[in-house]
Amino acid sequence: MDAELERTFTFFRFEELRVYRKALDYSTWVIKHTLPLYEKEYGLLSKRFNSSAQKIALNIAEGSALNRSQFINHLKIAKSMVRSCLVYTSIARQLDYLSNEDEDYSRNQLMELTKMIGALIGSLQRAERFDEEK
């Protein structure tokens, strides 16, 4: 079973990206922390927050299967979703849906995701320029 799981895991190369796994972990955290709010606020904030968090990982996954410039565009969209999550974090805190500790955790995760996505974009852009120089 482990060999089969290993083959499946490596088939989807994006799963090997640390930034993808980090985005997936963040999305799971958002779901767990907004689920109790769903009934309280009729899902208005929690649906959008969850969607934005999931779109970070989705754009990384989808973009990884495309050419380099398209991947970069998907990563830029993922960064935009990070900023959306920051806004939702702030709103949820102002409404007392998240504690100060939860807000700090969310902000720290989002800062780290921004740095990781930015570094991946930079790496892809350098590789693209290197290929053009050949």
C-alpha atoms as a PDB file:
ATOM      1  CA  MET A   1       0.000   0.000   0.000  1.00  0.00           C
ATOM      2  CA  ASP A   2       2.810   2.456   0.822  1.00  0.00           C
ATOM      3  CA  ALA A   3       4.405   1.961  -2.609  1.00  0.00           C
ATOM      4  CA  GLU A   4       1.031   2.604  -4.257  1.00  0.00           C
ATOM      5  CA  LEU A   5       0.501   5.725  -2.166  1.00  0.00           C
ATOM      6  CA  GLU A   6       4.020   6.934  -3.041  1.00  0.00           C
ATOM      7  CA  ARG A   7       3.340   6.488  -6.779  1.00  0.00           C
ATOM      8  CA  THR A   8       0.042   8.364  -6.519  1.00  0.00           C
ATOM      9  CA  PHE A   9       1.626  11.157  -4.513  1.00  0.00           C
ATOM     10  CA  THR A  10       4.457  11.736  -6.970  1.00  0.00           C
ATOM     11  CA  PHE A  11       2.077  11.648  -9.944  1.00  0.00           C
ATOM     12  CA  PHE A  12       0.675  14.995  -8.820  1.00  0.00           C
ATOM     13  CA  ARG A  13       3.923  16.958  -8.619  1.00  0.00           C
ATOM     14  CA  PHE A  14       2.338  20.038  -7.027  1.00  0.00           C
ATOM     15  CA  GLU A  15       1.777  17.994  -3.863  1.00  0.00           C
ATOM     16  CA  GLU A  16       5.542  18.019  -3.378  1.00  0.00           C
ATOM     17  CA  LEU A  17       5.589  21.836  -3.171  1.00  0.00           C
ATOM     18  CA  ARG A  18       5.944  23.070   0.411  1.00  0.00           C
ATOM     19  CA  VAL A  19       3.867  26.140  -0.447  1.00  0.00           C
ATOM     20  CA  TYR A  20       1.000  23.915  -1.624  1.00  0.00           C
ATOM     21  CA  ARG A  21       1.061  21.871   1.599  1.00  0.00           C
ATOM     22  CA  LYS A  22       1.188  25.094   3.648  1.00  0.00           C
ATOM     23  CA  ALA A  23      -1.808  26.480   1.719  1.00  0.00           C
ATOM     24  CA  LEU A  24      -3.707  23.255   2.285  1.00  0.00           C
ATOM     25  CA  ASP A  25      -2.950  23.360   6.018  1.00  0.00           C
ATOM     26  CA  TYR A  26      -4.141  26.973   6.177  1.00  0.00           C
ATOM     27  CA  SER A  27      -7.350  26.119   4.332  1.00  0.00           C
ATOM     28  CA  THR A  28      -8.044  23.314   6.805  1.00  0.00           C
ATOM     29  CA  TRP A  29      -7.406  25.695   9.712  1.00  0.00           C
ATOM     30  CA  VAL A  30      -9.870  28.213   8.253  1.00  0.00           C
ATOM     31  CA  ILE A  31     -12.557  25.552   7.832  1.00  0.00           C
ATOM     32  CA  LYS A  32     -12.134  24.387  11.433  1.00  0.00           C
ATOM     33  CA  HIS A  33     -12.229  27.935  12.801  1.00  0.00           C
ATOM     34  CA  THR A  34     -15.154  29.197  10.745  1.00  0.00           C
ATOM     35  CA  LEU A  35     -17.401  26.131  10.896  1.00  0.00           C
ATOM     36  CA  PRO A  36     -18.867  27.172  14.277  1.00  0.00           C
ATOM     37  CA  LEU A  37     -19.698  30.573  12.779  1.00  0.00           C
ATOM     38  CA  TYR A  38     -21.651  29.236   9.849  1.00  0.00           C
ATOM     39  CA  GLU A  39     -25.057  29.173  11.553  1.00  0.00           C
ATOM     40  CA  LYS A  40     -24.339  32.234  13.659  1.00  0.00           C
ATOM     41  CA  GLU A  41     -23.750  34.500  10.693  1.00  0.00           C
ATOM     42  CA  TYR A  42     -25.651  32.513   8.029  1.00  0.00           C
ATOM     43  CA  GLY A  43     -22.445  31.569   6.249  1.00  0.00           C
ATOM     44  CA  LEU A  44     -21.876  35.002   4.745  1.00  0.00           C
ATOM     45  CA  LEU A  45     -18.334  35.549   6.007  1.00  0.00           C
ATOM     46  CA  SER A  46     -17.334  31.933   6.531  1.00  0.00           C
ATOM     47  CA  LYS A  47     -18.220  30.892   2.957  1.00  0.00           C
ATOM     48  CA  ARG A  48     -16.122  33.651   1.445  1.00  0.00           C
ATOM     49  CA  PHE A  49     -13.243  33.136   3.873  1.00  0.00           C
ATOM     50  CA  ASN A  50     -13.215  29.387   3.169  1.00  0.00           C
ATOM     51  CA  SER A  51     -13.422  29.931  -0.572  1.00  0.00           C
ATOM     52  CA  SER A  52     -10.495  32.356  -0.591  1.00  0.00           C
ATOM     53  CA  ALA A  53      -8.375  30.040   1.561  1.00  0.00           C
ATOM     54  CA  GLN A  54      -9.117  27.093  -0.721  1.00  0.00           C
ATOM     55  CA  LYS A  55      -8.336  29.126  -3.828  1.00  0.00           C
ATOM     56  CA  ILE A  56      -4.770  29.649  -2.601  1.00  0.00           C
ATOM     57  CA  ALA A  57      -4.084  25.909  -2.812  1.00  0.00           C
ATOM     58  CA  LEU A  58      -6.263  25.473  -5.917  1.00  0.00           C
ATOM     59  CA  ASN A  59      -4.359  28.089  -7.906  1.00  0.00           C
ATOM     60  CA  ILE A  60      -1.037  26.547  -6.956  1.00  0.00           C
ATOM     61  CA  ALA A  61      -2.266  23.107  -8.015  1.00  0.00           C
ATOM     62  CA  GLU A  62      -3.914  24.241 -11.253  1.00  0.00           C
ATOM     63  CA  GLY A  63      -1.071  26.525 -12.275  1.00  0.00           C
ATOM     64  CA  SER A  64       1.581  23.865 -11.748  1.00  0.00           C
ATOM     65  CA  ALA A  65       0.227  21.885 -14.708  1.00  0.00           C
ATOM     66  CA  LEU A  66       0.565  24.833 -17.092  1.00  0.00           C
ATOM     67  CA  ASN A  67       3.508  26.548 -18.735  1.00  0.00           C
ATOM     68  CA  ARG A  68       5.799  28.746 -16.649  1.00  0.00           C
ATOM     69  CA  SER A  69       4.163  32.113 -17.413  1.00  0.00           C
ATOM     70  CA  GLN A  70       0.690  30.706 -16.753  1.00  0.00           C
ATOM     71  CA  PHE A  71       1.913  29.176 -13.500  1.00  0.00           C
ATOM     72  CA  ILE A  72       3.248  32.593 -12.483  1.00  0.00           C
ATOM     73  CA  ASN A  73      -0.178  34.123 -13.214  1.00  0.00           C
ATOM     74  CA  HIS A  74      -1.900  31.481 -11.080  1.00  0.00           C
ATOM     75  CA  LEU A  75       0.572  32.164  -8.275  1.00  0.00           C
ATOM     76  CA  LYS A  76      -0.246  35.870  -8.482  1.00  0.00           C
ATOM     77  CA  ILE A  77      -3.931  34.989  -8.134  1.00  0.00           C
ATOM     78  CA  ALA A  78      -3.024  32.846  -5.110  1.00  0.00           C
ATOM     79  CA  LYS A  79      -1.290  35.900  -3.590  1.00  0.00           C
ATOM     80  CA  SER A  80      -4.448  37.900  -4.194  1.00  0.00           C
ATOM     81  CA  MET A  81      -6.428  35.250  -2.313  1.00  0.00           C
ATOM     82  CA  VAL A  82      -3.932  35.557   0.565  1.00  0.00           C
ATOM     83  CA  ARG A  83      -4.789  39.255   0.774  1.00  0.00           C
ATOM     84  CA  SER A  84      -8.510  38.413   0.721  1.00  0.00           C
ATOM     85  CA  CYS A  85      -7.963  36.036   3.635  1.00  0.00           C
ATOM     86  CA  LEU A  86      -6.231  38.808   5.541  1.00  0.00           C
ATOM     87  CA  VAL A  87      -9.294  41.027   5.111  1.00  0.00           C
ATOM     88  CA  TYR A  88     -11.597  38.197   6.229  1.00  0.00           C
ATOM     89  CA  THR A  89      -9.322  37.575   9.224  1.00  0.00           C
ATOM     90  CA  SER A  90      -9.597  41.237  10.224  1.00  0.00           C
ATOM     91  CA  ILE A  91     -13.369  41.285   9.814  1.00  0.00           C
ATOM     92  CA  ALA A  92     -13.772  38.046  11.782  1.00  0.00           C
ATOM     93  CA  ARG A  93     -11.635  39.485  14.593  1.00  0.00           C
ATOM     94  CA  GLN A  94     -13.600  42.747  14.688  1.00  0.00           C
ATOM     95  CA  LEU A  95     -16.797  40.723  15.010  1.00  0.00           C
ATOM     96  CA  ASP A  96     -15.191  38.670  17.799  1.00  0.00           C
ATOM     97  CA  TYR A  97     -15.487  35.514  15.683  1.00  0.00           C
ATOM     98  CA  LEU A  98     -11.733  34.950  16.073  1.00  0.00           C
ATOM     99  CA  SER A  99      -9.643  35.434  19.192  1.00  0.00           C
ATOM    100  CA  ASN A 100      -6.517  37.590  19.229  1.00  0.00           C
ATOM    101  CA  GLU A 101      -4.455  34.391  19.138  1.00  0.00           C
ATOM    102  CA  ASP A 102      -6.386  33.099  16.111  1.00  0.00           C
ATOM    103  CA  GLU A 103      -5.927  36.417  14.342  1.00  0.00           C
ATOM    104  CA  ASP A 104      -2.188  36.332  15.035  1.00  0.00           C
ATOM    105  CA  TYR A 105      -1.945  32.747  13.800  1.00  0.00           C
ATOM    106  CA  SER A 106      -3.857  33.549  10.616  1.00  0.00           C
ATOM    107  CA  ARG A 107      -1.771  36.666   9.907  1.00  0.00           C
ATOM    108  CA  ASN A 108       1.484  34.768  10.473  1.00  0.00           C
ATOM    109  CA  GLN A 109       0.412  31.949   8.175  1.00  0.00           C
ATOM    110  CA  LEU A 110      -0.640  34.437   5.506  1.00  0.00           C
ATOM    111  CA  MET A 111       2.657  36.326   5.758  1.00  0.00           C
ATOM    112  CA  GLU A 112       4.559  33.087   5.371  1.00  0.00           C
ATOM    113  CA  LEU A 113       2.406  32.048   2.391  1.00  0.00           C
ATOM    114  CA  THR A 114       3.007  35.438   0.754  1.00  0.00           C
ATOM    115  CA  LYS A 115       6.767  35.049   1.147  1.00  0.00           C
ATOM    116  CA  MET A 116       6.729  31.476  -0.139  1.00  0.00           C
ATOM    117  CA  ILE A 117       4.574  32.309  -3.159  1.00  0.00           C
ATOM    118  CA  GLY A 118       6.715  35.369  -3.889  1.00  0.00           C
ATOM    119  CA  ALA A 119       9.890  33.270  -3.723  1.00  0.00           C
ATOM    120  CA  LEU A 120       8.403  30.695  -6.100  1.00  0.00           C
ATOM    121  CA  ILE A 121       7.365  33.435  -8.527  1.00  0.00           C
ATOM    122  CA  GLY A 122      10.882  34.894  -8.386  1.00  0.00           C
ATOM    123  CA  SER A 123      12.438  31.501  -9.010  1.00  0.00           C
ATOM    124  CA  LEU A 124      10.175  30.838 -11.989  1.00  0.00           C
ATOM    125  CA  GLN A 125      10.866  34.290 -13.435  1.00  0.00           C
ATOM    126  CA  ARG A 126      14.642  33.795 -13.118  1.00  0.00           C
ATOM    127  CA  ALA A 127      14.360  30.407 -14.824  1.00  0.00           C
ATOM    128  CA  GLU A 128      12.274  31.975 -17.580  1.00  0.00           C
ATOM    129  CA  ARG A 129      14.902  34.687 -18.186  1.00  0.00           C
ATOM    130  CA  PHE A 130      17.673  32.077 -18.132  1.00  0.00           C
ATOM    131  CA  ASP A 131      15.836  30.052 -20.798  1.00  0.00           C
ATOM    132  CA  GLU A 132      15.383  33.155 -22.937  1.00  0.00           C
ATOM    133  CA  GLU A 133      19.116  33.899 -22.801  1.00  0.00           C
ATOM    134  CA  LYS A 134      20.024  30.482 -24.196  1.00  0.00           C
END
